[in-house]
């Protein structure tokens, strides 16, 4: 490290970049973002392209300096003109999202394509999105599929998921459910939670593969633990119905509630139903009402009906404990459905 510092201080640009990276990652020295920024700046002054790119990242994210997205944009622009694919992709993203400049989807498309033509997988994916959604160009699902496939061949997880979706929906290519499943699986194995959730659904319903409820449950749980917003609901269903695992109503409620807290209306309804019926917990109509109300506010029809029924019950029995069995029986007769 002493030798690296000495070379950096003598004006060796590659050593300056290496020293900056060491400070950035805390390798061999204590992490220090300000010193990392300092040495990236020194190397950038010597026209080192790697340093300019890393300096742009520092400006965009506020690493070791004040966030300045306009300076980041300017540096990406300089490097993009030099043909640096990573910078072209980031410049496209700046135009796409309005980072340091005005939103301009046509320019985003232009720079994504420049990088994609250099086989840069992120840009191939982004270009596919542009063609799929008509951002900066006309909608062309065949072109979208082509670029997703090119990125997928480089093990780009999001692209593998999108290729799977194209095969499943027939977007830009004939429907092929077996290929859809294989691409979902490839995406899932690379850690994409959407792919994990879809693989689980394929195993559950026998889409492109044989039904296997144990594998479905395992993939739903992996996706849920990875942050997918729909998977916790599916895990809860597995625990409630004993699909791929043993029936466990307490676990089902915990997963429904976890999903409900993220705003998923179906889970809010199921959470309310569990509290109303005392499944996995004691009957608590007040708690049930609160969850139904949240789902109702999102237009969930069954929850709207439940809210009306509970409000009627509470209004007709203002002095009684709504959690008594008579209240539960009343609701059960009124709504004998799930």
C-alpha atoms as a PDB file:
ATOM      1  CA  UNK A   1       0.000   0.000   0.000  1.00  0.00           C
ATOM      2  CA  UNK A   2       2.874   2.386   0.745  1.00  0.00           C
ATOM      3  CA  UNK A   3       4.266   1.824  -2.739  1.00  0.00           C
ATOM      4  CA  UNK A   4       0.826   2.391  -4.278  1.00  0.00           C
ATOM      5  CA  UNK A   5       0.435   5.668  -2.375  1.00  0.00           C
ATOM      6  CA  UNK A   6       3.915   6.738  -3.474  1.00  0.00           C
ATOM      7  CA  UNK A   7       3.149   6.055  -7.147  1.00  0.00           C
ATOM      8  CA  UNK A   8      -0.185   7.861  -6.869  1.00  0.00           C
ATOM      9  CA  UNK A   9       1.493  10.909  -5.355  1.00  0.00           C
ATOM     10  CA  UNK A  10       4.025  10.856  -8.205  1.00  0.00           C
ATOM     11  CA  UNK A  11       1.187  11.239 -10.717  1.00  0.00           C
ATOM     12  CA  UNK A  12       0.665   7.694 -11.944  1.00  0.00           C
ATOM     13  CA  UNK A  13      -2.980   7.693 -13.054  1.00  0.00           C
ATOM     14  CA  UNK A  14      -3.487   3.920 -12.832  1.00  0.00           C
ATOM     15  CA  UNK A  15      -2.114   3.927  -9.292  1.00  0.00           C
ATOM     16  CA  UNK A  16      -4.381   6.837  -8.422  1.00  0.00           C
ATOM     17  CA  UNK A  17      -7.399   4.864  -9.616  1.00  0.00           C
ATOM     18  CA  UNK A  18      -6.251   1.764  -7.723  1.00  0.00           C
ATOM     19  CA  UNK A  19      -5.726   3.800  -4.556  1.00  0.00           C
ATOM     20  CA  UNK A  20      -9.135   5.439  -4.939  1.00  0.00           C
ATOM     21  CA  UNK A  21     -10.756   2.022  -5.292  1.00  0.00           C
ATOM     22  CA  UNK A  22      -8.976   0.840  -2.158  1.00  0.00           C
ATOM     23  CA  UNK A  23     -10.361   3.796  -0.204  1.00  0.00           C
ATOM     24  CA  UNK A  24     -13.798   3.277  -1.755  1.00  0.00           C
ATOM     25  CA  UNK A  25     -13.978  -0.406  -0.800  1.00  0.00           C
ATOM     26  CA  UNK A  26     -11.892  -0.312   2.363  1.00  0.00           C
ATOM     27  CA  UNK A  27      -9.346  -2.797   1.019  1.00  0.00           C
ATOM     28  CA  UNK A  28      -5.933  -2.506   2.682  1.00  0.00           C
ATOM     29  CA  UNK A  29      -6.919   0.871   4.129  1.00  0.00           C
ATOM     30  CA  UNK A  30      -9.795   2.241   6.148  1.00  0.00           C
ATOM     31  CA  UNK A  31     -12.763   3.137   3.946  1.00  0.00           C
ATOM     32  CA  UNK A  32     -12.707   6.840   3.159  1.00  0.00           C
ATOM     33  CA  UNK A  33     -15.029   8.122   0.440  1.00  0.00           C
ATOM     34  CA  UNK A  34     -13.548  11.625   0.496  1.00  0.00           C
ATOM     35  CA  UNK A  35     -10.074  10.260  -0.257  1.00  0.00           C
ATOM     36  CA  UNK A  36     -11.515   7.993  -2.938  1.00  0.00           C
ATOM     37  CA  UNK A  37     -13.128  11.000  -4.600  1.00  0.00           C
ATOM     38  CA  UNK A  38      -9.868  12.953  -4.289  1.00  0.00           C
ATOM     39  CA  UNK A  39      -7.827  10.317  -6.120  1.00  0.00           C
ATOM     40  CA  UNK A  40     -10.479   9.710  -8.780  1.00  0.00           C
ATOM     41  CA  UNK A  41     -10.378  13.470  -9.418  1.00  0.00           C
ATOM     42  CA  UNK A  42      -6.583  13.464  -9.700  1.00  0.00           C
ATOM     43  CA  UNK A  43      -6.622  10.596 -12.203  1.00  0.00           C
ATOM     44  CA  UNK A  44      -9.459  12.203 -14.160  1.00  0.00           C
ATOM     45  CA  UNK A  45      -7.359  15.341 -14.542  1.00  0.00           C
ATOM     46  CA  UNK A  46      -4.818  13.090 -16.278  1.00  0.00           C
ATOM     47  CA  UNK A  47      -7.542  12.026 -18.748  1.00  0.00           C
ATOM     48  CA  UNK A  48      -7.892   8.522 -17.312  1.00  0.00           C
ATOM     49  CA  UNK A  49     -11.246   7.278 -18.670  1.00  0.00           C
ATOM     50  CA  UNK A  50     -11.856   4.788 -15.857  1.00  0.00           C
ATOM     51  CA  UNK A  51     -11.366   7.592 -13.347  1.00  0.00           C
ATOM     52  CA  UNK A  52     -13.781   9.865 -15.189  1.00  0.00           C
ATOM     53  CA  UNK A  53     -16.443   7.161 -15.167  1.00  0.00           C
ATOM     54  CA  UNK A  54     -15.968   6.438 -11.453  1.00  0.00           C
ATOM     55  CA  UNK A  55     -15.932  10.161 -10.737  1.00  0.00           C
ATOM     56  CA  UNK A  56     -19.291  10.454 -12.480  1.00  0.00           C
ATOM     57  CA  UNK A  57     -20.664   7.728 -10.210  1.00  0.00           C
ATOM     58  CA  UNK A  58     -19.363   9.652  -7.198  1.00  0.00           C
ATOM     59  CA  UNK A  59     -21.099  12.834  -8.335  1.00  0.00           C
ATOM     60  CA  UNK A  60     -24.348  11.017  -9.092  1.00  0.00           C
ATOM     61  CA  UNK A  61     -24.497   9.175  -5.776  1.00  0.00           C
ATOM     62  CA  UNK A  62     -22.761  11.681  -3.512  1.00  0.00           C
ATOM     63  CA  UNK A  63     -19.786   9.447  -2.712  1.00  0.00           C
ATOM     64  CA  UNK A  64     -17.152  11.574  -0.985  1.00  0.00           C
ATOM     65  CA  UNK A  65     -18.610  14.788  -2.354  1.00  0.00           C
ATOM     66  CA  UNK A  66     -21.868  16.685  -2.667  1.00  0.00           C
ATOM     67  CA  UNK A  67     -24.313  15.017  -5.013  1.00  0.00           C
ATOM     68  CA  UNK A  68     -24.226  16.770  -8.375  1.00  0.00           C
ATOM     69  CA  UNK A  69     -26.194  14.934 -11.034  1.00  0.00           C
ATOM     70  CA  UNK A  70     -25.484  17.627 -13.632  1.00  0.00           C
ATOM     71  CA  UNK A  71     -21.710  17.028 -13.344  1.00  0.00           C
ATOM     72  CA  UNK A  72     -22.360  13.292 -13.484  1.00  0.00           C
ATOM     73  CA  UNK A  73     -24.397  13.762 -16.650  1.00  0.00           C
ATOM     74  CA  UNK A  74     -21.665  15.865 -18.238  1.00  0.00           C
ATOM     75  CA  UNK A  75     -19.018  13.233 -17.511  1.00  0.00           C
ATOM     76  CA  UNK A  76     -21.207  10.406 -18.814  1.00  0.00           C
ATOM     77  CA  UNK A  77     -21.755  12.467 -21.963  1.00  0.00           C
ATOM     78  CA  UNK A  78     -18.018  12.960 -22.537  1.00  0.00           C
ATOM     79  CA  UNK A  79     -17.314   9.259 -22.014  1.00  0.00           C
ATOM     80  CA  UNK A  80     -20.274   8.154 -24.128  1.00  0.00           C
ATOM     81  CA  UNK A  81     -18.859  10.161 -27.035  1.00  0.00           C
ATOM     82  CA  UNK A  82     -15.606   8.257 -26.485  1.00  0.00           C
ATOM     83  CA  UNK A  83     -17.521   5.001 -27.046  1.00  0.00           C
ATOM     84  CA  UNK A  84     -17.521   3.724 -23.448  1.00  0.00           C
ATOM     85  CA  UNK A  85     -20.499   1.357 -23.281  1.00  0.00           C
ATOM     86  CA  UNK A  86     -21.067   1.685 -19.524  1.00  0.00           C
ATOM     87  CA  UNK A  87     -21.191   5.468 -19.872  1.00  0.00           C
ATOM     88  CA  UNK A  88     -23.508   5.241 -22.871  1.00  0.00           C
ATOM     89  CA  UNK A  89     -25.881   3.123 -20.813  1.00  0.00           C
ATOM     90  CA  UNK A  90     -25.772   5.554 -17.893  1.00  0.00           C
ATOM     91  CA  UNK A  91     -26.245   8.496 -20.219  1.00  0.00           C
ATOM     92  CA  UNK A  92     -29.291   6.744 -21.635  1.00  0.00           C
ATOM     93  CA  UNK A  93     -30.589   6.257 -18.103  1.00  0.00           C
ATOM     94  CA  UNK A  94     -30.050   9.956 -17.351  1.00  0.00           C
ATOM     95  CA  UNK A  95     -32.181  10.888 -20.356  1.00  0.00           C
ATOM     96  CA  UNK A  96     -34.685   8.160 -19.458  1.00  0.00           C
ATOM     97  CA  UNK A  97     -35.159   9.265 -15.836  1.00  0.00           C
ATOM     98  CA  UNK A  98     -34.226  12.946 -15.990  1.00  0.00           C
ATOM     99  CA  UNK A  99     -31.004  12.622 -14.002  1.00  0.00           C
ATOM    100  CA  UNK A 100     -28.981  15.814 -14.417  1.00  0.00           C
ATOM    101  CA  UNK A 101     -30.923  16.708 -17.547  1.00  0.00           C
ATOM    102  CA  UNK A 102     -34.444  16.863 -18.953  1.00  0.00           C
ATOM    103  CA  UNK A 103     -36.250  13.617 -19.723  1.00  0.00           C
ATOM    104  CA  UNK A 104     -35.785  12.729 -23.383  1.00  0.00           C
ATOM    105  CA  UNK A 105     -36.825   9.203 -24.306  1.00  0.00           C
ATOM    106  CA  UNK A 106     -35.586   9.542 -27.875  1.00  0.00           C
ATOM    107  CA  UNK A 107     -32.072  10.333 -26.650  1.00  0.00           C
ATOM    108  CA  UNK A 108     -32.307   7.553 -24.065  1.00  0.00           C
ATOM    109  CA  UNK A 109     -33.180   5.124 -26.853  1.00  0.00           C
ATOM    110  CA  UNK A 110     -30.290   6.428 -28.964  1.00  0.00           C
ATOM    111  CA  UNK A 111     -27.683   5.848 -26.261  1.00  0.00           C
ATOM    112  CA  UNK A 112     -29.085   2.534 -25.101  1.00  0.00           C
ATOM    113  CA  UNK A 113     -28.817   1.324 -28.674  1.00  0.00           C
ATOM    114  CA  UNK A 114     -25.220   2.555 -28.963  1.00  0.00           C
ATOM    115  CA  UNK A 115     -24.227   0.524 -25.898  1.00  0.00           C
ATOM    116  CA  UNK A 116     -26.405  -2.449 -26.843  1.00  0.00           C
ATOM    117  CA  UNK A 117     -24.627  -2.704 -30.185  1.00  0.00           C
ATOM    118  CA  UNK A 118     -21.419  -3.159 -28.179  1.00  0.00           C
ATOM    119  CA  UNK A 119     -23.026  -6.205 -26.484  1.00  0.00           C
ATOM    120  CA  UNK A 120     -23.533  -4.365 -23.198  1.00  0.00           C
ATOM    121  CA  UNK A 121     -26.194  -6.517 -21.525  1.00  0.00           C
ATOM    122  CA  UNK A 122     -27.791  -3.807 -19.372  1.00  0.00           C
ATOM    123  CA  UNK A 123     -28.376  -1.673 -22.445  1.00  0.00           C
ATOM    124  CA  UNK A 124     -29.691  -4.607 -24.445  1.00  0.00           C
ATOM    125  CA  UNK A 125     -32.257  -5.075 -21.685  1.00  0.00           C
ATOM    126  CA  UNK A 126     -33.058  -1.354 -21.590  1.00  0.00           C
ATOM    127  CA  UNK A 127     -33.392  -1.253 -25.357  1.00  0.00           C
ATOM    128  CA  UNK A 128     -35.790  -4.184 -25.168  1.00  0.00           C
ATOM    129  CA  UNK A 129     -37.891  -2.243 -22.668  1.00  0.00           C
ATOM    130  CA  UNK A 130     -37.959   0.735 -25.047  1.00  0.00           C
ATOM    131  CA  UNK A 131     -39.240  -1.444 -27.883  1.00  0.00           C
ATOM    132  CA  UNK A 132     -41.738  -3.199 -25.622  1.00  0.00           C
ATOM    133  CA  UNK A 133     -43.225   0.009 -24.204  1.00  0.00           C
ATOM    134  CA  UNK A 134     -42.711   2.387 -27.095  1.00  0.00           C
ATOM    135  CA  UNK A 135     -40.305   4.662 -25.225  1.00  0.00           C
ATOM    136  CA  UNK A 136     -38.388   6.811 -27.695  1.00  0.00           C
ATOM    137  CA  UNK A 137     -39.406   4.542 -30.566  1.00  0.00           C
ATOM    138  CA  UNK A 138     -42.387   2.656 -31.958  1.00  0.00           C
ATOM    139  CA  UNK A 139     -43.585  -0.444 -30.117  1.00  0.00           C
ATOM    140  CA  UNK A 140     -41.995  -3.499 -31.731  1.00  0.00           C
ATOM    141  CA  UNK A 141     -42.334  -6.702 -29.716  1.00  0.00           C
ATOM    142  CA  UNK A 142     -40.155  -8.697 -32.103  1.00  0.00           C
ATOM    143  CA  UNK A 143     -37.305  -6.231 -31.599  1.00  0.00           C
ATOM    144  CA  UNK A 144     -37.935  -6.245 -27.850  1.00  0.00           C
ATOM    145  CA  UNK A 145     -37.711 -10.038 -27.792  1.00  0.00           C
ATOM    146  CA  UNK A 146     -34.520  -9.972 -29.877  1.00  0.00           C
ATOM    147  CA  UNK A 147     -32.701  -7.648 -27.501  1.00  0.00           C
ATOM    148  CA  UNK A 148     -33.970  -9.401 -24.380  1.00  0.00           C
ATOM    149  CA  UNK A 149     -32.702 -12.666 -25.813  1.00  0.00           C
ATOM    150  CA  UNK A 150     -29.249 -11.225 -26.568  1.00  0.00           C
ATOM    151  CA  UNK A 151     -28.949  -9.989 -22.992  1.00  0.00           C
ATOM    152  CA  UNK A 152     -30.326 -13.247 -21.606  1.00  0.00           C
ATOM    153  CA  UNK A 153     -27.547 -15.129 -23.396  1.00  0.00           C
ATOM    154  CA  UNK A 154     -25.133 -13.096 -21.239  1.00  0.00           C
ATOM    155  CA  UNK A 155     -26.909 -14.304 -18.070  1.00  0.00           C
ATOM    156  CA  UNK A 156     -28.726 -11.015 -17.521  1.00  0.00           C
ATOM    157  CA  UNK A 157     -31.359 -12.101 -14.981  1.00  0.00           C
ATOM    158  CA  UNK A 158     -34.018  -9.473 -15.772  1.00  0.00           C
ATOM    159  CA  UNK A 159     -33.731 -10.248 -19.474  1.00  0.00           C
ATOM    160  CA  UNK A 160     -34.070 -13.972 -18.845  1.00  0.00           C
ATOM    161  CA  UNK A 161     -37.284 -13.247 -16.965  1.00  0.00           C
ATOM    162  CA  UNK A 162     -38.556 -11.062 -19.819  1.00  0.00           C
ATOM    163  CA  UNK A 163     -37.692 -13.700 -22.407  1.00  0.00           C
ATOM    164  CA  UNK A 164     -39.685 -16.152 -20.321  1.00  0.00           C
ATOM    165  CA  UNK A 165     -42.570 -13.687 -20.269  1.00  0.00           C
ATOM    166  CA  UNK A 166     -42.376 -13.261 -24.043  1.00  0.00           C
ATOM    167  CA  UNK A 167     -42.555 -17.022 -24.555  1.00  0.00           C
ATOM    168  CA  UNK A 168     -45.438 -17.282 -22.088  1.00  0.00           C
ATOM    169  CA  UNK A 169     -47.454 -14.451 -23.648  1.00  0.00           C
ATOM    170  CA  UNK A 170     -46.424 -14.810 -27.280  1.00  0.00           C
ATOM    171  CA  UNK A 171     -44.863 -11.348 -27.356  1.00  0.00           C
ATOM    172  CA  UNK A 172     -42.603 -11.109 -30.417  1.00  0.00           C
ATOM    173  CA  UNK A 173     -42.280 -14.896 -30.618  1.00  0.00           C
ATOM    174  CA  UNK A 174     -44.623 -17.921 -30.696  1.00  0.00           C
ATOM    175  CA  UNK A 175     -45.905 -19.144 -27.328  1.00  0.00           C
ATOM    176  CA  UNK A 176     -43.679 -21.882 -25.889  1.00  0.00           C
ATOM    177  CA  UNK A 177     -44.458 -22.639 -22.243  1.00  0.00           C
ATOM    178  CA  UNK A 178     -41.557 -25.050 -21.796  1.00  0.00           C
ATOM    179  CA  UNK A 179     -39.095 -22.384 -22.921  1.00  0.00           C
ATOM    180  CA  UNK A 180     -40.887 -19.845 -20.733  1.00  0.00           C
ATOM    181  CA  UNK A 181     -40.369 -22.085 -17.719  1.00  0.00           C
ATOM    182  CA  UNK A 182     -36.685 -22.637 -18.530  1.00  0.00           C
ATOM    183  CA  UNK A 183     -35.995 -18.921 -18.805  1.00  0.00           C
ATOM    184  CA  UNK A 184     -37.923 -18.215 -15.597  1.00  0.00           C
ATOM    185  CA  UNK A 185     -35.818 -20.887 -13.915  1.00  0.00           C
ATOM    186  CA  UNK A 186     -32.561 -19.399 -15.223  1.00  0.00           C
ATOM    187  CA  UNK A 187     -33.634 -15.991 -13.964  1.00  0.00           C
ATOM    188  CA  UNK A 188     -34.654 -17.458 -10.602  1.00  0.00           C
ATOM    189  CA  UNK A 189     -31.333 -19.219 -10.144  1.00  0.00           C
ATOM    190  CA  UNK A 190     -29.582 -15.882 -10.688  1.00  0.00           C
ATOM    191  CA  UNK A 191     -31.620 -14.379  -7.847  1.00  0.00           C
ATOM    192  CA  UNK A 192     -34.375 -12.510  -9.691  1.00  0.00           C
ATOM    193  CA  UNK A 193     -37.405 -12.559  -7.379  1.00  0.00           C
ATOM    194  CA  UNK A 194     -39.882 -12.184 -10.243  1.00  0.00           C
ATOM    195  CA  UNK A 195     -38.408 -15.236 -11.899  1.00  0.00           C
ATOM    196  CA  UNK A 196     -38.540 -17.108  -8.585  1.00  0.00           C
ATOM    197  CA  UNK A 197     -42.222 -16.283  -8.114  1.00  0.00           C
ATOM    198  CA  UNK A 198     -43.063 -17.305 -11.680  1.00  0.00           C
ATOM    199  CA  UNK A 199     -41.100 -20.559 -11.421  1.00  0.00           C
ATOM    200  CA  UNK A 200     -43.100 -21.356  -8.310  1.00  0.00           C
ATOM    201  CA  UNK A 201     -46.358 -20.668 -10.140  1.00  0.00           C
ATOM    202  CA  UNK A 202     -45.241 -22.909 -13.007  1.00  0.00           C
ATOM    203  CA  UNK A 203     -44.541 -25.749 -10.565  1.00  0.00           C
ATOM    204  CA  UNK A 204     -47.863 -25.148  -8.813  1.00  0.00           C
ATOM    205  CA  UNK A 205     -49.978 -25.138 -11.976  1.00  0.00           C
ATOM    206  CA  UNK A 206     -47.902 -27.384 -14.233  1.00  0.00           C
ATOM    207  CA  UNK A 207     -47.059 -24.636 -16.723  1.00  0.00           C
ATOM    208  CA  UNK A 208     -44.216 -25.804 -18.962  1.00  0.00           C
ATOM    209  CA  UNK A 209     -43.218 -28.425 -16.398  1.00  0.00           C
ATOM    210  CA  UNK A 210     -44.734 -31.096 -14.162  1.00  0.00           C
ATOM    211  CA  UNK A 211     -46.703 -30.067 -11.078  1.00  0.00           C
ATOM    212  CA  UNK A 212     -44.507 -30.129  -7.978  1.00  0.00           C
ATOM    213  CA  UNK A 213     -46.053 -28.413  -4.962  1.00  0.00           C
ATOM    214  CA  UNK A 214     -42.970 -28.835  -2.778  1.00  0.00           C
ATOM    215  CA  UNK A 215     -40.796 -27.017  -5.317  1.00  0.00           C
ATOM    216  CA  UNK A 216     -43.509 -24.399  -5.745  1.00  0.00           C
ATOM    217  CA  UNK A 217     -43.573 -23.722  -2.007  1.00  0.00           C
ATOM    218  CA  UNK A 218     -39.762 -23.538  -1.804  1.00  0.00           C
ATOM    219  CA  UNK A 219     -39.509 -21.053  -4.676  1.00  0.00           C
ATOM    220  CA  UNK A 220     -42.356 -18.922  -3.321  1.00  0.00           C
ATOM    221  CA  UNK A 221     -40.559 -18.735  -0.002  1.00  0.00           C
ATOM    222  CA  UNK A 222     -37.225 -17.841  -1.617  1.00  0.00           C
ATOM    223  CA  UNK A 223     -38.945 -15.095  -3.620  1.00  0.00           C
ATOM    224  CA  UNK A 224     -40.754 -13.803  -0.536  1.00  0.00           C
ATOM    225  CA  UNK A 225     -37.550 -13.653   1.480  1.00  0.00           C
ATOM    226  CA  UNK A 226     -35.921 -11.832  -1.442  1.00  0.00           C
ATOM    227  CA  UNK A 227     -38.503  -9.058  -1.430  1.00  0.00           C
ATOM    228  CA  UNK A 228     -41.033 -10.007  -4.113  1.00  0.00           C
ATOM    229  CA  UNK A 229     -44.321  -8.260  -3.309  1.00  0.00           C
ATOM    230  CA  UNK A 230     -46.620 -11.114  -4.421  1.00  0.00           C
ATOM    231  CA  UNK A 231     -44.722 -14.140  -3.129  1.00  0.00           C
ATOM    232  CA  UNK A 232     -45.593 -13.664   0.588  1.00  0.00           C
ATOM    233  CA  UNK A 233     -49.270 -13.987  -0.331  1.00  0.00           C
ATOM    234  CA  UNK A 234     -48.508 -17.215  -2.178  1.00  0.00           C
ATOM    235  CA  UNK A 235     -46.480 -18.557   0.749  1.00  0.00           C
ATOM    236  CA  UNK A 236     -49.448 -17.834   3.010  1.00  0.00           C
ATOM    237  CA  UNK A 237     -51.781 -19.773   0.712  1.00  0.00           C
ATOM    238  CA  UNK A 238     -49.410 -22.746   0.829  1.00  0.00           C
ATOM    239  CA  UNK A 239     -49.432 -22.720   4.634  1.00  0.00           C
ATOM    240  CA  UNK A 240     -53.217 -22.257   4.768  1.00  0.00           C
ATOM    241  CA  UNK A 241     -54.046 -25.056   2.336  1.00  0.00           C
ATOM    242  CA  UNK A 242     -51.090 -27.339   2.996  1.00  0.00           C
ATOM    243  CA  UNK A 243     -49.745 -27.077  -0.542  1.00  0.00           C
ATOM    244  CA  UNK A 244     -46.144 -28.316  -0.611  1.00  0.00           C
ATOM    245  CA  UNK A 245     -45.910 -28.005   3.169  1.00  0.00           C
ATOM    246  CA  UNK A 246     -47.917 -28.823   6.296  1.00  0.00           C
ATOM    247  CA  UNK A 247     -50.993 -26.769   7.164  1.00  0.00           C
ATOM    248  CA  UNK A 248     -49.962 -24.045   9.598  1.00  0.00           C
ATOM    249  CA  UNK A 249     -52.532 -21.310  10.115  1.00  0.00           C
ATOM    250  CA  UNK A 250     -50.312 -19.234  12.384  1.00  0.00           C
ATOM    251  CA  UNK A 251     -47.614 -19.134   9.697  1.00  0.00           C
ATOM    252  CA  UNK A 252     -50.252 -18.400   7.078  1.00  0.00           C
ATOM    253  CA  UNK A 253     -51.479 -15.417   9.070  1.00  0.00           C
ATOM    254  CA  UNK A 254     -47.942 -14.129   9.583  1.00  0.00           C
ATOM    255  CA  UNK A 255     -47.279 -14.214   5.835  1.00  0.00           C
ATOM    256  CA  UNK A 256     -50.649 -12.706   4.945  1.00  0.00           C
ATOM    257  CA  UNK A 257     -50.027  -9.940   7.449  1.00  0.00           C
ATOM    258  CA  UNK A 258     -46.492  -9.341   6.167  1.00  0.00           C
ATOM    259  CA  UNK A 259     -47.849  -8.968   2.644  1.00  0.00           C
ATOM    260  CA  UNK A 260     -50.783  -6.862   3.858  1.00  0.00           C
ATOM    261  CA  UNK A 261     -48.414  -4.420   5.543  1.00  0.00           C
ATOM    262  CA  UNK A 262     -46.854  -3.820   2.119  1.00  0.00           C
ATOM    263  CA  UNK A 263     -50.246  -2.746   0.805  1.00  0.00           C
ATOM    264  CA  UNK A 264     -51.342  -5.850  -1.120  1.00  0.00           C
ATOM    265  CA  UNK A 265     -55.149  -5.754  -1.050  1.00  0.00           C
ATOM    266  CA  UNK A 266     -55.736  -9.510  -1.391  1.00  0.00           C
ATOM    267  CA  UNK A 267     -53.510 -10.109   1.624  1.00  0.00           C
ATOM    268  CA  UNK A 268     -55.255  -7.374   3.573  1.00  0.00           C
ATOM    269  CA  UNK A 269     -58.546  -9.144   2.882  1.00  0.00           C
ATOM    270  CA  UNK A 270     -57.192 -12.557   3.914  1.00  0.00           C
ATOM    271  CA  UNK A 271     -55.661 -11.066   7.065  1.00  0.00           C
ATOM    272  CA  UNK A 272     -59.020  -9.577   7.947  1.00  0.00           C
ATOM    273  CA  UNK A 273     -60.720 -12.899   7.295  1.00  0.00           C
ATOM    274  CA  UNK A 274     -58.316 -14.734   9.606  1.00  0.00           C
ATOM    275  CA  UNK A 275     -59.004 -12.271  12.419  1.00  0.00           C
ATOM    276  CA  UNK A 276     -62.748 -12.462  11.783  1.00  0.00           C
ATOM    277  CA  UNK A 277     -62.833 -16.259  11.818  1.00  0.00           C
ATOM    278  CA  UNK A 278     -60.129 -16.825  14.439  1.00  0.00           C
ATOM    279  CA  UNK A 279     -57.823 -18.737  12.118  1.00  0.00           C
ATOM    280  CA  UNK A 280     -54.280 -18.854  13.483  1.00  0.00           C
ATOM    281  CA  UNK A 281     -55.272 -16.313  16.130  1.00  0.00           C
ATOM    282  CA  UNK A 282     -58.131 -15.307  18.402  1.00  0.00           C
ATOM    283  CA  UNK A 283     -61.233 -13.694  16.914  1.00  0.00           C
ATOM    284  CA  UNK A 284     -60.747  -9.936  16.735  1.00  0.00           C
ATOM    285  CA  UNK A 285     -63.372  -8.120  14.715  1.00  0.00           C
ATOM    286  CA  UNK A 286     -61.835  -4.724  15.333  1.00  0.00           C
ATOM    287  CA  UNK A 287     -58.546  -5.932  13.804  1.00  0.00           C
ATOM    288  CA  UNK A 288     -60.458  -7.614  10.991  1.00  0.00           C
ATOM    289  CA  UNK A 289     -62.320  -4.379  10.272  1.00  0.00           C
ATOM    290  CA  UNK A 290     -59.074  -2.386  10.074  1.00  0.00           C
ATOM    291  CA  UNK A 291     -57.601  -4.758   7.485  1.00  0.00           C
ATOM    292  CA  UNK A 292     -60.817  -4.950   5.473  1.00  0.00           C
ATOM    293  CA  UNK A 293     -60.955  -1.171   5.456  1.00  0.00           C
ATOM    294  CA  UNK A 294     -57.441  -0.882   4.023  1.00  0.00           C
ATOM    295  CA  UNK A 295     -58.277  -3.322   1.227  1.00  0.00           C
ATOM    296  CA  UNK A 296     -61.636  -1.632   0.623  1.00  0.00           C
ATOM    297  CA  UNK A 297     -59.881   1.685   0.105  1.00  0.00           C
ATOM    298  CA  UNK A 298     -58.105   0.021  -2.820  1.00  0.00           C
ATOM    299  CA  UNK A 299     -61.425  -1.082  -4.320  1.00  0.00           C
ATOM    300  CA  UNK A 300     -61.303  -4.717  -3.162  1.00  0.00           C
ATOM    301  CA  UNK A 301     -64.966  -5.715  -3.560  1.00  0.00           C
ATOM    302  CA  UNK A 302     -65.210  -8.465  -0.934  1.00  0.00           C
ATOM    303  CA  UNK A 303     -63.543  -6.167   1.572  1.00  0.00           C
ATOM    304  CA  UNK A 304     -66.037  -3.413   0.798  1.00  0.00           C
ATOM    305  CA  UNK A 305     -68.843  -5.845   1.627  1.00  0.00           C
ATOM    306  CA  UNK A 306     -67.089  -6.913   4.829  1.00  0.00           C
ATOM    307  CA  UNK A 307     -66.648  -3.299   5.946  1.00  0.00           C
ATOM    308  CA  UNK A 308     -70.356  -2.626   5.444  1.00  0.00           C
ATOM    309  CA  UNK A 309     -71.304  -5.758   7.394  1.00  0.00           C
ATOM    310  CA  UNK A 310     -69.018  -4.980  10.306  1.00  0.00           C
ATOM    311  CA  UNK A 311     -70.153  -1.375  10.481  1.00  0.00           C
ATOM    312  CA  UNK A 312     -73.754  -2.595  10.585  1.00  0.00           C
ATOM    313  CA  UNK A 313     -72.882  -5.034  13.349  1.00  0.00           C
ATOM    314  CA  UNK A 314     -71.046  -2.406  15.399  1.00  0.00           C
ATOM    315  CA  UNK A 315     -73.867   0.126  14.975  1.00  0.00           C
ATOM    316  CA  UNK A 316     -76.528  -2.384  15.987  1.00  0.00           C
ATOM    317  CA  UNK A 317     -74.558  -3.558  19.028  1.00  0.00           C
ATOM    318  CA  UNK A 318     -72.807  -0.423  20.366  1.00  0.00           C
ATOM    319  CA  UNK A 319     -72.612  -1.613  23.984  1.00  0.00           C
ATOM    320  CA  UNK A 320     -71.501  -5.186  23.339  1.00  0.00           C
ATOM    321  CA  UNK A 321     -68.098  -6.705  22.719  1.00  0.00           C
ATOM    322  CA  UNK A 322     -67.974  -7.268  18.937  1.00  0.00           C
ATOM    323  CA  UNK A 323     -65.530 -10.119  19.419  1.00  0.00           C
ATOM    324  CA  UNK A 324     -68.053 -12.323  21.194  1.00  0.00           C
ATOM    325  CA  UNK A 325     -69.118 -15.457  19.380  1.00  0.00           C
ATOM    326  CA  UNK A 326     -72.589 -14.050  18.598  1.00  0.00           C
ATOM    327  CA  UNK A 327     -71.028 -11.345  16.460  1.00  0.00           C
ATOM    328  CA  UNK A 328     -68.877 -13.902  14.667  1.00  0.00           C
ATOM    329  CA  UNK A 329     -71.919 -16.070  14.022  1.00  0.00           C
ATOM    330  CA  UNK A 330     -73.791 -13.069  12.630  1.00  0.00           C
ATOM    331  CA  UNK A 331     -71.043 -12.348  10.121  1.00  0.00           C
ATOM    332  CA  UNK A 332     -70.659 -16.004   9.295  1.00  0.00           C
ATOM    333  CA  UNK A 333     -74.308 -16.251   8.285  1.00  0.00           C
ATOM    334  CA  UNK A 334     -74.142 -13.068   6.279  1.00  0.00           C
ATOM    335  CA  UNK A 335     -70.904 -13.922   4.436  1.00  0.00           C
ATOM    336  CA  UNK A 336     -70.340 -17.615   4.150  1.00  0.00           C
ATOM    337  CA  UNK A 337     -67.650 -17.195   1.490  1.00  0.00           C
ATOM    338  CA  UNK A 338     -63.908 -16.655   1.172  1.00  0.00           C
END
